[in-house]
Amino acid sequence: MSVDEFTVTPWSVEGDVDYEKLIQKFGTEKISPELQKKIEKITGELHPMLKLEYFFSHRDLDKVLTEYEKGNKFYLYTGRGPSGLIHMGHLLPWIFTKYLQDKFDVNLIFQITDDEKFLYSDEKSFDDISKYTKENILDIIAVGFDPKKTKILIDTKDIKKIYPISLEIAKRITYSTVKAAFGFQNSTNIGMIGFPPIQAAPCFLPSVLEGKPTPVLIPAAIDQDPYWRVTRDIAEKMGYPKPAQIHSKFLPGLGMKGKMSSSIPETAIFTTDSEEIIDKKISNSFTGGQPTVELQRKLGANFNICPVFWYLRYFFESEKESDERARKCKGGELLCGECKCDLKDATKPFIREFKKKREKAKDQVEKFLFE
């Protein structure tokens, strides 16, 4: 999906994303103040990622909440394509997913699409993908999901659990539909063309596991929306509820434009980075500042395009602290070097603590896997 100067697909996000335009093009709904209040009423609080509109768009979230209030619990479903190591941009939606699991006391299916990443990559062998799968699982567990309510589904390992469902889905979706949704070309390998039903299958797996139609809510970045869009079209024909979604924005990379990406490692902070590497990456990061100190004092900086600001806002600062930083930045009271130092001081202990949790996760893997 290309919109003017930016591109958003399940495999590529490029340029300066206009989220209002993306909502219109994808046909989703913006999360309204009324819907925020409904969430707050049920959970007792409004998560900062909702308040700051990091999670900004949805499909049928209101319906899932209404059913929940009637006593009908939903399942959470999200996933990870193991194409590389985990960076902080991956963690934000997972942290929010944990909040949803804790507040609503619901089960979670976490799909690892190792098949897709092997099919999509020309450079990586399946052994490479398998190594990343093992590493990524440690990061997932380190987020703190409840092992009694969380199952990690690895496509190539657990295919028997989802293949019958994916067959039913595949039979109902035409090639012209997936070509339009995903932009497949004549050069696209047939594995990729046949993959969408595999990613769609966990939408209906909870209904199979529970023996009754069971709602599913998918927290994920909005680039994955095409998978659920085509799935929703055939859900009710199969006797399942349409999967609901809540979409996040992208954490910007430390470069000039675009989301944080494993394929551009110098612009991403990984959970395995050393403190020296973190220092270097943040020191070299792009900012919204002026060319000189004098100009910045006079004209102020543009925090809207500054990844250092957004890291601090989404991860480490309260809304009040972040708003004050924005005011000082715009007014020229704050220099980019100061913000970079603040980000270093916040990021290093965060990653240090996460590494400890990641190490402990090595002894917990079996608890999370499907039997």
Protein backbone atom coordinates (compact mmCIF):
# COMPACT_ATOMS: atom_id res chain seq x y z
CA MET A 1 0.00 0.00 0.00
CA SER A 2 1.67 3.17 -1.20
CA VAL A 3 0.26 6.53 -0.12
CA ASP A 4 2.00 9.54 -1.62
CA GLU A 5 5.51 9.60 -0.16
CA PHE A 6 5.28 6.60 2.19
CA THR A 7 4.77 2.87 1.81
CA VAL A 8 3.20 0.42 4.28
CA THR A 9 3.01 -3.33 3.60
CA PRO A 10 3.40 -6.39 5.86
CA TRP A 11 7.04 -6.58 4.76
CA SER A 12 8.12 -2.99 4.29
CA VAL A 13 7.47 0.40 5.92
CA GLU A 14 9.20 3.32 4.26
CA GLY A 15 8.99 7.09 4.48
CA ASP A 16 7.16 9.44 6.81
CA VAL A 17 3.89 7.65 7.57
CA ASP A 18 0.72 9.76 7.67
CA TYR A 19 -1.47 7.72 10.00
CA GLU A 20 -4.66 9.64 9.24
CA LYS A 21 -4.26 8.82 5.55
CA LEU A 22 -3.43 5.22 6.42
CA ILE A 23 -6.68 4.85 8.40
CA GLN A 24 -8.61 6.05 5.35
CA LYS A 25 -6.75 3.81 2.92
CA PHE A 26 -6.96 0.68 5.08
CA GLY A 27 -10.55 1.38 6.10
CA THR A 28 -9.96 1.09 9.84
CA GLU A 29 -11.41 3.25 12.63
CA LYS A 30 -9.59 5.71 14.82
CA ILE A 31 -9.77 4.92 18.54
CA SER A 32 -12.19 7.55 19.82
CA PRO A 33 -12.20 9.26 23.24
CA GLU A 34 -15.41 7.34 23.97
CA LEU A 35 -13.71 4.03 23.25
CA GLN A 36 -10.78 5.05 25.44
CA LYS A 37 -13.22 5.78 28.26
CA LYS A 38 -14.82 2.37 27.81
CA ILE A 39 -11.42 0.68 28.13
CA GLU A 40 -10.61 2.78 31.18
CA LYS A 41 -13.95 1.85 32.77
CA ILE A 42 -13.22 -1.87 32.41
CA THR A 43 -9.51 -1.85 33.29
CA GLY A 44 -9.46 0.94 35.87
CA GLU A 45 -6.79 2.86 33.97
CA LEU A 46 -5.91 4.08 30.50
CA HIS A 47 -2.58 2.72 29.38
CA PRO A 48 -0.10 5.43 28.27
CA MET A 49 0.15 3.81 24.83
CA LEU A 50 -3.57 4.47 24.36
CA LYS A 51 -3.49 7.93 25.91
CA LEU A 52 -0.55 8.97 23.73
CA GLU A 53 -2.24 7.37 20.69
CA TYR A 54 0.60 4.96 19.99
CA PHE A 55 -2.26 2.47 19.64
CA PHE A 56 -4.52 4.59 17.47
CA SER A 57 -6.70 2.48 15.19
CA HIS A 58 -8.95 -0.58 15.42
CA ARG A 59 -11.46 -2.92 13.89
CA ASP A 60 -14.37 -4.06 16.11
CA LEU A 61 -12.58 -3.32 19.39
CA ASP A 62 -15.86 -1.86 20.68
CA LYS A 63 -17.70 -5.11 19.91
CA VAL A 64 -15.11 -7.23 21.72
CA LEU A 65 -15.37 -4.99 24.78
CA THR A 66 -19.17 -5.15 24.73
CA GLU A 67 -19.05 -8.95 24.63
CA TYR A 68 -16.50 -8.96 27.45
CA GLU A 69 -18.84 -6.88 29.60
CA LYS A 70 -21.49 -9.56 29.00
CA GLY A 71 -19.08 -12.18 30.36
CA ASN A 72 -17.76 -13.48 27.02
CA LYS A 73 -13.98 -13.53 27.21
CA PHE A 74 -11.79 -13.13 24.16
CA TYR A 75 -8.36 -14.50 23.24
CA LEU A 76 -5.40 -12.31 22.37
CA TYR A 77 -3.38 -13.20 19.30
CA THR A 78 -0.19 -11.58 18.06
CA GLY A 79 3.03 -12.75 16.46
CA ARG A 80 6.60 -12.35 15.38
CA GLY A 81 8.40 -13.09 12.12
CA PRO A 82 11.88 -14.24 13.22
CA SER A 83 13.99 -12.43 10.64
CA GLY A 84 16.52 -11.03 13.10
CA LEU A 85 17.14 -10.01 16.68
CA ILE A 86 14.55 -8.09 18.72
CA HIS A 87 14.77 -4.31 19.00
CA MET A 88 12.84 -1.84 21.12
CA GLY A 89 10.34 -1.20 18.35
CA HIS A 90 9.21 -4.81 18.64
CA LEU A 91 8.82 -4.57 22.40
CA LEU A 92 6.25 -1.76 22.53
CA PRO A 93 3.28 -3.76 21.11
CA TRP A 94 4.29 -6.75 23.24
CA ILE A 95 4.35 -4.65 26.41
CA PHE A 96 0.86 -3.43 25.55
CA THR A 97 -0.28 -6.99 24.84
CA LYS A 98 0.90 -7.97 28.33
CA TYR A 99 -1.16 -5.10 29.76
CA LEU A 100 -4.23 -6.45 27.93
CA GLN A 101 -3.58 -9.98 29.18
CA ASP A 102 -3.19 -8.79 32.77
CA LYS A 103 -6.16 -6.42 32.81
CA PHE A 104 -8.64 -8.66 31.01
CA ASP A 105 -7.27 -11.95 32.41
CA VAL A 106 -7.30 -13.65 29.01
CA ASN A 107 -5.33 -16.25 27.06
CA LEU A 108 -2.75 -15.33 24.42
CA ILE A 109 -1.58 -17.18 21.32
CA PHE A 110 1.78 -15.89 20.10
CA GLN A 111 2.54 -17.09 16.57
CA ILE A 112 6.11 -17.41 15.28
CA THR A 113 5.96 -17.23 11.48
CA ASP A 114 9.29 -18.91 10.75
CA ASP A 115 7.90 -20.28 7.48
CA GLU A 116 7.05 -16.82 6.16
CA LYS A 117 10.47 -15.39 6.96
CA PHE A 118 12.21 -18.28 5.23
CA LEU A 119 9.99 -17.90 2.16
CA TYR A 120 10.42 -14.12 2.03
CA SER A 121 14.19 -13.96 2.50
CA ASP A 122 16.61 -14.73 -0.32
CA GLU A 123 19.63 -14.41 1.97
CA LYS A 124 18.69 -16.42 5.09
CA SER A 125 18.71 -20.21 5.31
CA PHE A 126 16.13 -22.06 7.38
CA ASP A 127 18.89 -22.70 9.95
CA ASP A 128 19.32 -18.92 10.24
CA ILE A 129 15.59 -18.47 10.78
CA SER A 130 15.54 -21.26 13.38
CA LYS A 131 18.32 -19.56 15.37
CA TYR A 132 16.37 -16.31 15.38
CA THR A 133 13.24 -18.21 16.42
CA LYS A 134 15.00 -19.50 19.55
CA GLU A 135 16.44 -16.07 20.34
CA ASN A 136 13.15 -14.24 19.76
CA ILE A 137 11.25 -16.61 22.06
CA LEU A 138 13.53 -15.55 24.92
CA ASP A 139 12.57 -11.92 24.32
CA ILE A 140 8.87 -12.77 24.19
CA ILE A 141 9.06 -14.57 27.53
CA ALA A 142 11.16 -11.78 29.05
CA VAL A 143 8.26 -9.33 28.51
CA GLY A 144 6.49 -11.16 31.34
CA PHE A 145 3.49 -12.94 29.83
CA ASP A 146 1.62 -15.38 32.07
CA PRO A 147 2.89 -18.90 31.22
CA LYS A 148 -0.44 -20.39 32.30
CA LYS A 149 -2.31 -18.23 29.79
CA THR A 150 0.23 -17.95 26.96
CA LYS A 151 1.11 -20.39 24.21
CA ILE A 152 3.83 -19.77 21.63
CA LEU A 153 2.92 -21.38 18.32
CA ILE A 154 5.81 -22.05 15.93
CA ASP A 155 4.42 -22.56 12.43
CA THR A 156 6.80 -25.28 11.21
CA LYS A 157 6.69 -27.12 14.55
CA ASP A 158 2.97 -26.79 15.28
CA ILE A 159 1.59 -26.89 11.74
CA LYS A 160 -0.75 -29.79 12.57
CA LYS A 161 -2.67 -27.51 14.94
CA ILE A 162 -3.39 -24.87 12.32
CA TYR A 163 -3.22 -26.63 8.94
CA PRO A 164 -6.84 -27.91 8.93
CA ILE A 165 -8.04 -24.37 9.70
CA SER A 166 -5.73 -22.82 7.11
CA LEU A 167 -7.08 -25.22 4.47
CA GLU A 168 -10.62 -24.07 5.13
CA ILE A 169 -9.46 -20.46 4.86
CA ALA A 170 -7.42 -21.06 1.70
CA LYS A 171 -10.40 -22.64 -0.05
CA ARG A 172 -12.44 -19.46 0.44
CA ILE A 173 -9.90 -16.81 -0.62
CA THR A 174 -9.10 -16.26 -4.30
CA TYR A 175 -5.76 -15.36 -5.80
CA SER A 176 -7.15 -12.06 -7.06
CA THR A 177 -8.06 -11.13 -3.47
CA VAL A 178 -4.60 -11.80 -2.03
CA LYS A 179 -2.93 -10.22 -5.05
CA ALA A 180 -4.86 -7.01 -4.42
CA ALA A 181 -4.29 -7.09 -0.66
CA PHE A 182 -0.59 -7.97 -0.67
CA GLY A 183 0.63 -6.80 -4.06
CA PHE A 184 1.90 -10.21 -5.18
CA GLN A 185 3.67 -10.22 -8.55
CA ASN A 186 4.45 -12.89 -11.15
CA SER A 187 7.90 -13.10 -9.56
CA THR A 188 6.45 -13.86 -6.07
CA ASN A 189 7.24 -17.43 -5.03
CA ILE A 190 4.21 -19.68 -4.55
CA GLY A 191 5.10 -20.23 -0.90
CA MET A 192 4.44 -16.56 -0.14
CA ILE A 193 1.23 -16.64 -2.15
CA GLY A 194 0.04 -19.60 -0.10
CA PHE A 195 1.13 -18.21 3.26
CA PRO A 196 -1.73 -15.80 4.25
CA PRO A 197 -4.08 -18.63 5.41
CA ILE A 198 -1.35 -19.83 7.80
CA GLN A 199 -1.18 -16.44 9.48
CA ALA A 200 -4.96 -16.22 9.50
CA ALA A 201 -5.49 -19.62 11.16
CA PRO A 202 -4.76 -18.53 14.79
CA CYS A 203 -7.72 -16.14 14.48
CA PHE A 204 -9.97 -19.19 14.61
CA LEU A 205 -7.82 -21.58 16.68
CA PRO A 206 -9.32 -20.32 20.00
CA SER A 207 -12.80 -21.30 18.78
CA VAL A 208 -11.47 -24.79 18.01
CA LEU A 209 -9.70 -25.05 21.37
CA GLU A 210 -12.73 -23.80 23.33
CA GLY A 211 -15.29 -25.76 21.31
CA LYS A 212 -17.41 -22.64 20.71
CA PRO A 213 -17.17 -19.37 18.75
CA THR A 214 -14.57 -17.33 20.64
CA PRO A 215 -13.72 -13.67 19.90
CA VAL A 216 -10.09 -12.79 19.14
CA LEU A 217 -8.37 -9.43 19.57
CA ILE A 218 -5.13 -8.84 17.68
CA PRO A 219 -2.76 -6.15 19.02
CA ALA A 220 -0.18 -5.49 16.30
CA ALA A 221 1.41 -2.79 14.18
CA ILE A 222 -0.87 -1.59 11.39
CA ASP A 223 1.40 -2.95 8.64
CA GLN A 224 -0.02 -6.43 9.39
CA ASP A 225 -3.61 -5.31 8.75
CA PRO A 226 -3.96 -6.86 5.25
CA TYR A 227 -3.82 -10.37 6.76
CA TRP A 228 -6.78 -9.70 9.01
CA ARG A 229 -8.71 -7.76 6.39
CA VAL A 230 -8.97 -10.76 4.08
CA THR A 231 -9.61 -13.06 7.06
CA ARG A 232 -12.53 -10.98 8.28
CA ASP A 233 -14.22 -11.30 4.90
CA ILE A 234 -14.61 -15.07 5.26
CA ALA A 235 -14.82 -15.51 9.06
CA GLU A 236 -18.58 -15.60 9.44
CA LYS A 237 -18.97 -17.93 6.43
CA MET A 238 -16.81 -20.37 8.39
CA GLY A 239 -18.87 -19.92 11.56
CA TYR A 240 -16.29 -17.86 13.46
CA PRO A 241 -16.38 -14.31 14.86
CA LYS A 242 -14.53 -11.71 12.79
CA PRO A 243 -11.11 -11.13 14.38
CA ALA A 244 -10.90 -7.70 15.99
CA GLN A 245 -7.74 -5.60 15.87
CA ILE A 246 -6.04 -2.78 17.71
CA HIS A 247 -3.26 -1.18 15.66
CA SER A 248 -0.07 0.50 16.79
CA LYS A 249 2.08 3.05 15.06
CA PHE A 250 5.77 2.40 14.42
CA LEU A 251 8.60 3.37 16.72
CA PRO A 252 10.87 5.44 14.47
CA GLY A 253 14.38 4.31 13.73
CA LEU A 254 17.31 6.42 14.82
CA GLY A 255 17.85 7.46 11.22
CA MET A 256 15.99 10.17 9.31
CA LYS A 257 12.75 8.39 8.35
CA GLY A 258 10.93 5.10 8.62
CA LYS A 259 10.28 2.62 11.39
CA MET A 260 12.98 0.93 13.44
CA SER A 261 14.23 -2.04 11.45
CA SER A 262 16.46 -5.04 12.06
CA SER A 263 17.72 -4.68 8.49
CA ILE A 264 19.28 -1.30 9.37
CA PRO A 265 21.00 -2.27 12.66
CA GLU A 266 22.73 1.07 13.22
CA THR A 267 19.30 2.74 13.58
CA ALA A 268 17.82 0.18 16.00
CA ILE A 269 18.52 -0.59 19.66
CA PHE A 270 18.44 -4.33 20.22
CA THR A 271 17.77 -6.13 23.48
CA THR A 272 21.21 -7.72 23.17
CA ASP A 273 23.17 -4.51 22.55
CA SER A 274 26.02 -3.61 24.90
CA GLU A 275 26.00 -0.28 26.71
CA GLU A 276 28.87 0.92 24.51
CA ILE A 277 26.86 0.18 21.37
CA ILE A 278 23.76 1.88 22.81
CA ASP A 279 25.84 4.98 23.56
CA LYS A 280 27.22 5.02 20.04
CA LYS A 281 23.85 4.53 18.32
CA ILE A 282 22.14 7.26 20.31
CA SER A 283 25.10 9.65 19.87
CA ASN A 284 24.87 9.18 16.09
CA SER A 285 21.07 9.37 15.90
CA PHE A 286 19.16 11.84 13.78
CA THR A 287 17.32 14.64 15.63
CA GLY A 288 14.98 17.48 14.82
CA GLY A 289 17.59 20.04 15.83
CA GLN A 290 19.12 23.01 14.03
CA PRO A 291 22.61 22.99 12.44
CA THR A 292 24.11 25.13 15.21
CA VAL A 293 23.53 25.79 18.92
CA GLU A 294 22.88 29.47 18.18
CA LEU A 295 20.14 28.69 15.67
CA GLN A 296 18.56 26.16 18.02
CA ARG A 297 18.46 28.66 20.85
CA LYS A 298 16.88 31.17 18.46
CA LEU A 299 14.52 29.01 16.40
CA GLY A 300 13.98 25.90 18.53
CA ALA A 301 13.92 22.33 17.24
CA ASN A 302 11.26 20.07 15.70
CA PHE A 303 10.47 17.30 18.18
CA ASN A 304 7.86 15.80 15.82
CA ILE A 305 10.54 14.38 13.52
CA CYS A 306 13.00 13.50 16.30
CA PRO A 307 13.31 9.77 17.16
CA VAL A 308 15.11 10.63 20.42
CA PHE A 309 11.98 12.49 21.59
CA TRP A 310 9.64 9.65 20.63
CA TYR A 311 11.77 7.01 22.34
CA LEU A 312 11.62 9.03 25.55
CA ARG A 313 7.89 9.71 25.19
CA TYR A 314 6.79 6.14 24.49
CA PHE A 315 9.17 4.29 26.79
CA PHE A 316 10.41 6.35 29.67
CA GLU A 317 8.59 9.60 30.41
CA SER A 318 5.19 10.49 31.79
CA GLU A 319 2.90 12.52 29.56
CA LYS A 320 3.55 15.61 31.67
CA GLU A 321 7.35 15.19 31.48
CA SER A 322 7.18 14.57 27.75
CA ASP A 323 4.97 17.61 27.10
CA GLU A 324 7.43 19.76 29.06
CA ARG A 325 10.31 18.37 26.96
CA ALA A 326 8.39 19.23 23.80
CA ARG A 327 7.81 22.80 25.03
CA LYS A 328 11.48 23.32 25.85
CA CYS A 329 12.60 21.75 22.59
CA LYS A 330 10.31 23.96 20.50
CA GLY A 331 11.33 27.05 22.47
CA GLY A 332 15.07 26.49 22.10
CA GLU A 333 15.63 25.88 25.82
CA LEU A 334 16.80 22.34 25.20
CA LEU A 335 19.66 21.12 23.03
CA CYS A 336 19.73 17.78 21.21
CA GLY A 337 22.79 16.62 23.14
CA GLU A 338 20.85 16.93 26.39
CA CYS A 339 18.01 14.77 25.07
CA LYS A 340 20.47 12.18 23.79
CA CYS A 341 22.08 11.99 27.24
CA ASP A 342 18.65 11.56 28.84
CA LEU A 343 17.85 8.74 26.41
CA LYS A 344 21.15 7.00 27.11
CA ASP A 345 20.57 7.27 30.85
CA ALA A 346 17.11 5.72 30.51
CA THR A 347 17.83 3.08 27.85
CA LYS A 348 20.92 1.45 29.35
CA PRO A 349 19.33 0.36 32.67
CA PHE A 350 16.20 -0.72 30.77
CA ILE A 351 18.19 -3.01 28.47
CA ARG A 352 20.36 -4.18 31.38
CA GLU A 353 17.28 -5.31 33.31
CA PHE A 354 15.70 -6.84 30.20
CA LYS A 355 18.82 -8.92 29.60
CA LYS A 356 18.45 -10.41 33.09
CA LYS A 357 14.86 -11.40 32.34
CA ARG A 358 15.98 -12.78 28.99
CA GLU A 359 18.57 -14.98 30.69
CA LYS A 360 15.97 -16.32 33.14
CA ALA A 361 13.67 -17.07 30.19
CA LYS A 362 16.02 -19.85 29.04
CA ASP A 363 14.65 -22.05 31.82
CA GLN A 364 11.00 -21.25 31.05
CA VAL A 365 10.70 -21.98 27.33
CA GLU A 366 8.96 -25.36 27.69
CA LYS A 367 6.17 -23.79 29.77
CA PHE A 368 5.16 -21.59 26.84
CA LEU A 369 5.28 -24.07 23.95
CA PHE A 370 2.28 -25.99 22.63
CA GLU A 371 2.40 -29.63 23.68
